[in-house]
PDB file of N, CA and C in Angstrom:
ATOM      1  N   ILE A   1      20.589 -16.891 -29.643  1.00  0.00           N
ATOM      2  CA  ILE A   1      21.516 -16.428 -28.628  1.00  0.00           C
ATOM      3  C   ILE A   1      21.175 -17.126 -27.331  1.00  0.00           C
ATOM      4  N   THR A   2      22.183 -17.680 -26.678  1.00  0.00           N
ATOM      5  CA  THR A   2      21.988 -18.311 -25.378  1.00  0.00           C
ATOM      6  C   THR A   2      22.698 -17.484 -24.327  1.00  0.00           C
ATOM      7  N   ASN A   3      21.991 -17.146 -23.269  1.00  0.00           N
ATOM      8  CA  ASN A   3      22.507 -16.300 -22.202  1.00  0.00           C
ATOM      9  C   ASN A   3      22.869 -17.180 -21.013  1.00  0.00           C
ATOM     10  N   PHE A   4      24.176 -17.499 -20.835  1.00  0.00           N
ATOM     11  CA  PHE A   4      24.614 -18.368 -19.752  1.00  0.00           C
ATOM     12  C   PHE A   4      24.914 -17.597 -18.471  1.00  0.00           C
ATOM     13  N   SER A   5      25.147 -16.307 -18.555  1.00  0.00           N
ATOM     14  CA  SER A   5      25.373 -15.477 -17.378  1.00  0.00           C
ATOM     15  C   SER A   5      24.613 -14.164 -17.573  1.00  0.00           C
ATOM     16  N   VAL A   6      24.498 -13.403 -16.502  1.00  0.00           N
ATOM     17  CA  VAL A   6      23.743 -12.156 -16.578  1.00  0.00           C
ATOM     18  C   VAL A   6      24.443 -11.195 -17.544  1.00  0.00           C
ATOM     19  N   ASN A   7      23.715 -10.793 -18.566  1.00  0.00           N
ATOM     20  CA  ASN A   7      24.217  -9.844 -19.548  1.00  0.00           C
ATOM     21  C   ASN A   7      23.023  -9.013 -20.004  1.00  0.00           C
ATOM     22  N   THR A   8      23.000  -7.764 -19.597  1.00  0.00           N
ATOM     23  CA  THR A   8      21.860  -6.897 -19.851  1.00  0.00           C
ATOM     24  C   THR A   8      21.558  -6.754 -21.334  1.00  0.00           C
ATOM     25  N   ILE A   9      22.579  -6.635 -22.154  1.00  0.00           N
ATOM     26  CA  ILE A   9      22.369  -6.442 -23.591  1.00  0.00           C
ATOM     27  C   ILE A   9      21.745  -7.692 -24.207  1.00  0.00           C
ATOM     28  N   ILE A  10      22.270  -8.862 -23.885  1.00  0.00           N
ATOM     29  CA  ILE A  10      21.715 -10.108 -24.422  1.00  0.00           C
ATOM     30  C   ILE A  10      20.270 -10.274 -23.959  1.00  0.00           C
ATOM     31  N   THR A  11      20.012  -9.991 -22.692  1.00  0.00           N
ATOM     32  CA  THR A  11      18.650 -10.093 -22.171  1.00  0.00           C
ATOM     33  C   THR A  11      17.723  -9.153 -22.942  1.00  0.00           C
ATOM     34  N   ALA A  12      18.159  -7.938 -23.196  1.00  0.00           N
ATOM     35  CA  ALA A  12      17.342  -6.978 -23.943  1.00  0.00           C
ATOM     36  C   ALA A  12      17.095  -7.464 -25.369  1.00  0.00           C
ATOM     37  N   LEU A  13      18.111  -8.045 -26.005  1.00  0.00           N
ATOM     38  CA  LEU A  13      17.952  -8.522 -27.381  1.00  0.00           C
ATOM     39  C   LEU A  13      17.033  -9.737 -27.483  1.00  0.00           C
ATOM     40  N   GLN A  14      16.729 -10.373 -26.377  1.00  0.00           N
ATOM     41  CA  GLN A  14      15.808 -11.500 -26.375  1.00  0.00           C
ATOM     42  C   GLN A  14      14.359 -11.065 -26.179  1.00  0.00           C
ATOM     43  N   ALA A  15      14.127  -9.763 -26.071  1.00  0.00           N
ATOM     44  CA  ALA A  15      12.775  -9.231 -25.878  1.00  0.00           C
ATOM     45  C   ALA A  15      11.933  -9.451 -27.133  1.00  0.00           C
ATOM     46  N   PRO A  16      10.633  -9.524 -26.975  1.00  0.00           N
ATOM     47  CA  PRO A  16       9.738  -9.755 -28.113  1.00  0.00           C
ATOM     48  C   PRO A  16       9.885  -8.725 -29.235  1.00  0.00           C
ATOM     49  N   GLU A  17      10.220  -7.494 -28.892  1.00  0.00           N
ATOM     50  CA  GLU A  17      10.385  -6.456 -29.923  1.00  0.00           C
ATOM     51  C   GLU A  17      11.494  -6.811 -30.898  1.00  0.00           C
ATOM     52  N   TRP A  18      12.596  -7.358 -30.383  1.00  0.00           N
ATOM     53  CA  TRP A  18      13.722  -7.739 -31.235  1.00  0.00           C
ATOM     54  C   TRP A  18      13.388  -8.967 -32.064  1.00  0.00           C
ATOM     55  N   GLU A  19      12.649  -9.894 -31.463  1.00  0.00           N
ATOM     56  CA  GLU A  19      12.194 -11.077 -32.210  1.00  0.00           C
ATOM     57  C   GLU A  19      11.278 -10.642 -33.355  1.00  0.00           C
ATOM     58  N   ASN A  20      10.404  -9.680 -33.091  1.00  0.00           N
ATOM     59  CA  ASN A  20       9.503  -9.152 -34.107  1.00  0.00           C
ATOM     60  C   ASN A  20      10.293  -8.482 -35.234  1.00  0.00           C
ATOM     61  N   LEU A  21      11.302  -7.692 -34.864  1.00  0.00           N
ATOM     62  CA  LEU A  21      12.142  -7.049 -35.877  1.00  0.00           C
ATOM     63  C   LEU A  21      12.843  -8.094 -36.735  1.00  0.00           C
ATOM     64  N   LEU A  22      13.386  -9.124 -36.104  1.00  0.00           N
ATOM     65  CA  LEU A  22      14.050 -10.199 -36.834  1.00  0.00           C
ATOM     66  C   LEU A  22      13.091 -10.840 -37.836  1.00  0.00           C
ATOM     67  N   THR A  23      11.872 -11.083 -37.426  1.00  0.00           N
ATOM     68  CA  THR A  23      10.867 -11.679 -38.308  1.00  0.00           C
ATOM     69  C   THR A  23      10.587 -10.774 -39.510  1.00  0.00           C
ATOM     70  N   LYS A  24      10.557  -9.467 -39.265  1.00  0.00           N
ATOM     71  CA  LYS A  24      10.215  -8.517 -40.330  1.00  0.00           C
ATOM     72  C   LYS A  24      11.363  -8.257 -41.309  1.00  0.00           C
ATOM     73  N   ILE A  25      12.604  -8.185 -40.806  1.00  0.00           N
ATOM     74  CA  ILE A  25      13.704  -7.808 -41.695  1.00  0.00           C
ATOM     75  C   ILE A  25      14.563  -8.985 -42.143  1.00  0.00           C
ATOM     76  N   GLY A  26      14.474 -10.118 -41.453  1.00  0.00           N
ATOM     77  CA  GLY A  26      15.249 -11.297 -41.832  1.00  0.00           C
ATOM     78  C   GLY A  26      16.601 -11.356 -41.134  1.00  0.00           C
ATOM     79  N   ALA A  27      17.189 -12.540 -41.179  1.00  0.00           N
ATOM     80  CA  ALA A  27      18.439 -12.801 -40.460  1.00  0.00           C
ATOM     81  C   ALA A  27      19.618 -12.001 -41.005  1.00  0.00           C
ATOM     82  N   ASP A  28      19.717 -11.855 -42.332  1.00  0.00           N
ATOM     83  CA  ASP A  28      20.863 -11.125 -42.906  1.00  0.00           C
ATOM     84  C   ASP A  28      20.853  -9.659 -42.490  1.00  0.00           C
ATOM     85  N   ALA A  29      19.696  -9.020 -42.576  1.00  0.00           N
ATOM     86  CA  ALA A  29      19.597  -7.608 -42.189  1.00  0.00           C
ATOM     87  C   ALA A  29      19.820  -7.443 -40.690  1.00  0.00           C
ATOM     88  N   MET A  30      19.320  -8.377 -39.890  1.00  0.00           N
ATOM     89  CA  MET A  30      19.504  -8.305 -38.441  1.00  0.00           C
ATOM     90  C   MET A  30      20.976  -8.458 -38.089  1.00  0.00           C
ATOM     91  N   LEU A  31      21.660  -9.386 -38.741  1.00  0.00           N
ATOM     92  CA  LEU A  31      23.088  -9.566 -38.508  1.00  0.00           C
ATOM     93  C   LEU A  31      23.846  -8.286 -38.850  1.00  0.00           C
ATOM     94  N   HIS A  32      23.502  -7.677 -39.968  1.00  0.00           N
ATOM     95  CA  HIS A  32      24.130  -6.409 -40.347  1.00  0.00           C
ATOM     96  C   HIS A  32      23.865  -5.343 -39.287  1.00  0.00           C
ATOM     97  N   LEU A  33      22.621  -5.226 -38.849  1.00  0.00           N
ATOM     98  CA  LEU A  33      22.246  -4.233 -37.851  1.00  0.00           C
ATOM     99  C   LEU A  33      23.048  -4.412 -36.566  1.00  0.00           C
ATOM    100  N   LEU A  34      23.191  -5.655 -36.128  1.00  0.00           N
ATOM    101  CA  LEU A  34      23.861  -5.913 -34.852  1.00  0.00           C
ATOM    102  C   LEU A  34      25.380  -5.881 -34.930  1.00  0.00           C
ATOM    103  N   THR A  35      25.954  -6.083 -36.115  1.00  0.00           N
ATOM    104  CA  THR A  35      27.414  -6.142 -36.214  1.00  0.00           C
ATOM    105  C   THR A  35      28.060  -4.955 -36.909  1.00  0.00           C
ATOM    106  N   LYS A  36      27.309  -4.222 -37.700  1.00  0.00           N
ATOM    107  CA  LYS A  36      27.910  -3.146 -38.497  1.00  0.00           C
ATOM    108  C   LYS A  36      27.399  -1.749 -38.161  1.00  0.00           C
ATOM    109  N   THR A  37      26.446  -1.642 -37.244  1.00  0.00           N
ATOM    110  CA  THR A  37      25.886  -0.331 -36.896  1.00  0.00           C
ATOM    111  C   THR A  37      25.914  -0.148 -35.387  1.00  0.00           C
ATOM    112  N   SER A  38      25.616   1.059 -34.956  1.00  0.00           N
ATOM    113  CA  SER A  38      25.444   1.340 -33.532  1.00  0.00           C
ATOM    114  C   SER A  38      23.952   1.432 -33.254  1.00  0.00           C
ATOM    115  N   VAL A  39      23.501   0.695 -32.258  1.00  0.00           N
ATOM    116  CA  VAL A  39      22.095   0.687 -31.868  1.00  0.00           C
ATOM    117  C   VAL A  39      22.005   1.171 -30.435  1.00  0.00           C
ATOM    118  N   PHE A  40      21.087   2.096 -30.187  1.00  0.00           N
ATOM    119  CA  PHE A  40      20.870   2.651 -28.858  1.00  0.00           C
ATOM    120  C   PHE A  40      19.429   2.421 -28.453  1.00  0.00           C
ATOM    121  N   ILE A  41      19.212   2.198 -27.159  1.00  0.00           N
ATOM    122  CA  ILE A  41      17.854   2.127 -26.640  1.00  0.00           C
ATOM    123  C   ILE A  41      17.690   3.215 -25.581  1.00  0.00           C
ATOM    124  N   LYS A  42      16.469   3.720 -25.489  1.00  0.00           N
ATOM    125  CA  LYS A  42      16.159   4.750 -24.508  1.00  0.00           C
ATOM    126  C   LYS A  42      15.830   4.083 -23.178  1.00  0.00           C
ATOM    127  N   LEU A  43      16.463   4.569 -22.115  1.00  0.00           N
ATOM    128  CA  LEU A  43      16.239   4.037 -20.776  1.00  0.00           C
ATOM    129  C   LEU A  43      15.149   4.839 -20.071  1.00  0.00           C
ATOM    130  N   PRO A  44      14.571   4.290 -19.015  1.00  0.00           N
ATOM    131  CA  PRO A  44      13.507   5.006 -18.301  1.00  0.00           C
ATOM    132  C   PRO A  44      13.930   6.377 -17.769  1.00  0.00           C
ATOM    133  N   ASN A  45      15.232   6.576 -17.520  1.00  0.00           N
ATOM    134  CA  ASN A  45      15.711   7.857 -17.006  1.00  0.00           C
ATOM    135  C   ASN A  45      16.060   8.844 -18.122  1.00  0.00           C
ATOM    136  N   GLU A  46      15.606   8.531 -19.348  1.00  0.00           N
ATOM    137  CA  GLU A  46      15.814   9.385 -20.529  1.00  0.00           C
ATOM    138  C   GLU A  46      17.243   9.342 -21.077  1.00  0.00           C
ATOM    139  N   CYS A  47      18.108   8.509 -20.524  1.00  0.00           N
ATOM    140  CA  CYS A  47      19.449   8.316 -21.068  1.00  0.00           C
ATOM    141  C   CYS A  47      19.386   7.273 -22.180  1.00  0.00           C
ATOM    142  N   LEU A  48      20.453   7.150 -22.944  1.00  0.00           N
ATOM    143  CA  LEU A  48      20.551   6.137 -23.982  1.00  0.00           C
ATOM    144  C   LEU A  48      21.577   5.095 -23.574  1.00  0.00           C
ATOM    145  N   CYS A  49      21.303   3.853 -23.932  1.00  0.00           N
ATOM    146  CA  CYS A  49      22.226   2.750 -23.697  1.00  0.00           C
ATOM    147  C   CYS A  49      22.653   2.215 -25.056  1.00  0.00           C
ATOM    148  N   GLN A  50      23.963   2.195 -25.303  1.00  0.00           N
ATOM    149  CA  GLN A  50      24.459   1.668 -26.569  1.00  0.00           C
ATOM    150  C   GLN A  50      24.477   0.151 -26.486  1.00  0.00           C
ATOM    151  N   MET A  51      23.732  -0.486 -27.393  1.00  0.00           N
ATOM    152  CA  MET A  51      23.625  -1.939 -27.398  1.00  0.00           C
ATOM    153  C   MET A  51      24.634  -2.585 -28.324  1.00  0.00           C
ATOM    154  N   THR A  52      24.927  -1.950 -29.437  1.00  0.00           N
ATOM    155  CA  THR A  52      25.863  -2.520 -30.401  1.00  0.00           C
ATOM    156  C   THR A  52      26.738  -1.407 -30.967  1.00  0.00           C
ATOM    157  N   GLY A  53      27.811  -1.808 -31.602  1.00  0.00           N
ATOM    158  CA  GLY A  53      28.675  -0.857 -32.295  1.00  0.00           C
ATOM    159  C   GLY A  53      29.893  -0.462 -31.499  1.00  0.00           C
ATOM    160  N   MET A  54      30.795   0.219 -32.196  1.00  0.00           N
ATOM    161  CA  MET A  54      32.007   0.711 -31.567  1.00  0.00           C
ATOM    162  C   MET A  54      31.634   1.783 -30.538  1.00  0.00           C
ATOM    163  N   PRO A  55      32.206   1.733 -29.334  1.00  0.00           N
ATOM    164  CA  PRO A  55      31.888   2.757 -28.347  1.00  0.00           C
ATOM    165  C   PRO A  55      32.128   4.158 -28.904  1.00  0.00           C
ATOM    166  N   LEU A  56      31.201   5.052 -28.613  1.00  0.00           N
ATOM    167  CA  LEU A  56      31.303   6.403 -29.162  1.00  0.00           C
ATOM    168  C   LEU A  56      32.572   7.128 -28.748  1.00  0.00           C
ATOM    169  N   ILE A  57      33.151   6.752 -27.630  1.00  0.00           N
ATOM    170  CA  ILE A  57      34.377   7.399 -27.185  1.00  0.00           C
ATOM    171  C   ILE A  57      35.503   7.220 -28.202  1.00  0.00           C
ATOM    172  N   TYR A  58      35.420   6.153 -29.011  1.00  0.00           N
ATOM    173  CA  TYR A  58      36.446   5.881 -30.021  1.00  0.00           C
ATOM    174  C   TYR A  58      36.095   6.421 -31.400  1.00  0.00           C
ATOM    175  N   ALA A  59      34.902   6.966 -31.543  1.00  0.00           N
ATOM    176  CA  ALA A  59      34.459   7.456 -32.852  1.00  0.00           C
ATOM    177  C   ALA A  59      35.114   8.805 -33.162  1.00  0.00           C
ATOM    178  N   MET A  60      35.377   9.021 -34.437  1.00  0.00           N
ATOM    179  CA  MET A  60      35.922  10.297 -34.889  1.00  0.00           C
ATOM    180  C   MET A  60      34.817  11.330 -34.912  1.00  0.00           C
ATOM    181  N   PRO A  61      35.074  12.558 -34.425  1.00  0.00           N
ATOM    182  CA  PRO A  61      34.039  13.596 -34.488  1.00  0.00           C
ATOM    183  C   PRO A  61      33.714  13.954 -35.938  1.00  0.00           C
ATOM    184  N   PRO A  62      32.476  14.366 -36.192  1.00  0.00           N
ATOM    185  CA  PRO A  62      32.086  14.696 -37.591  1.00  0.00           C
ATOM    186  C   PRO A  62      32.821  15.907 -38.130  1.00  0.00           C
TER     187      PRO A  62
END
């Protein structure tokens, strides 16, 4: 991934933790994780930031 402009999500995905995950699970599983699931990270203020997936506002309630 090349980050040509400021993009918080891309910057976060370039962190060593994500590189480590990619090494452990492989490119196919990582692609699935980033394109077919919703991934959230915990922010310092205890809120969650959705990094991937369809915005929850569009999700059907259970």
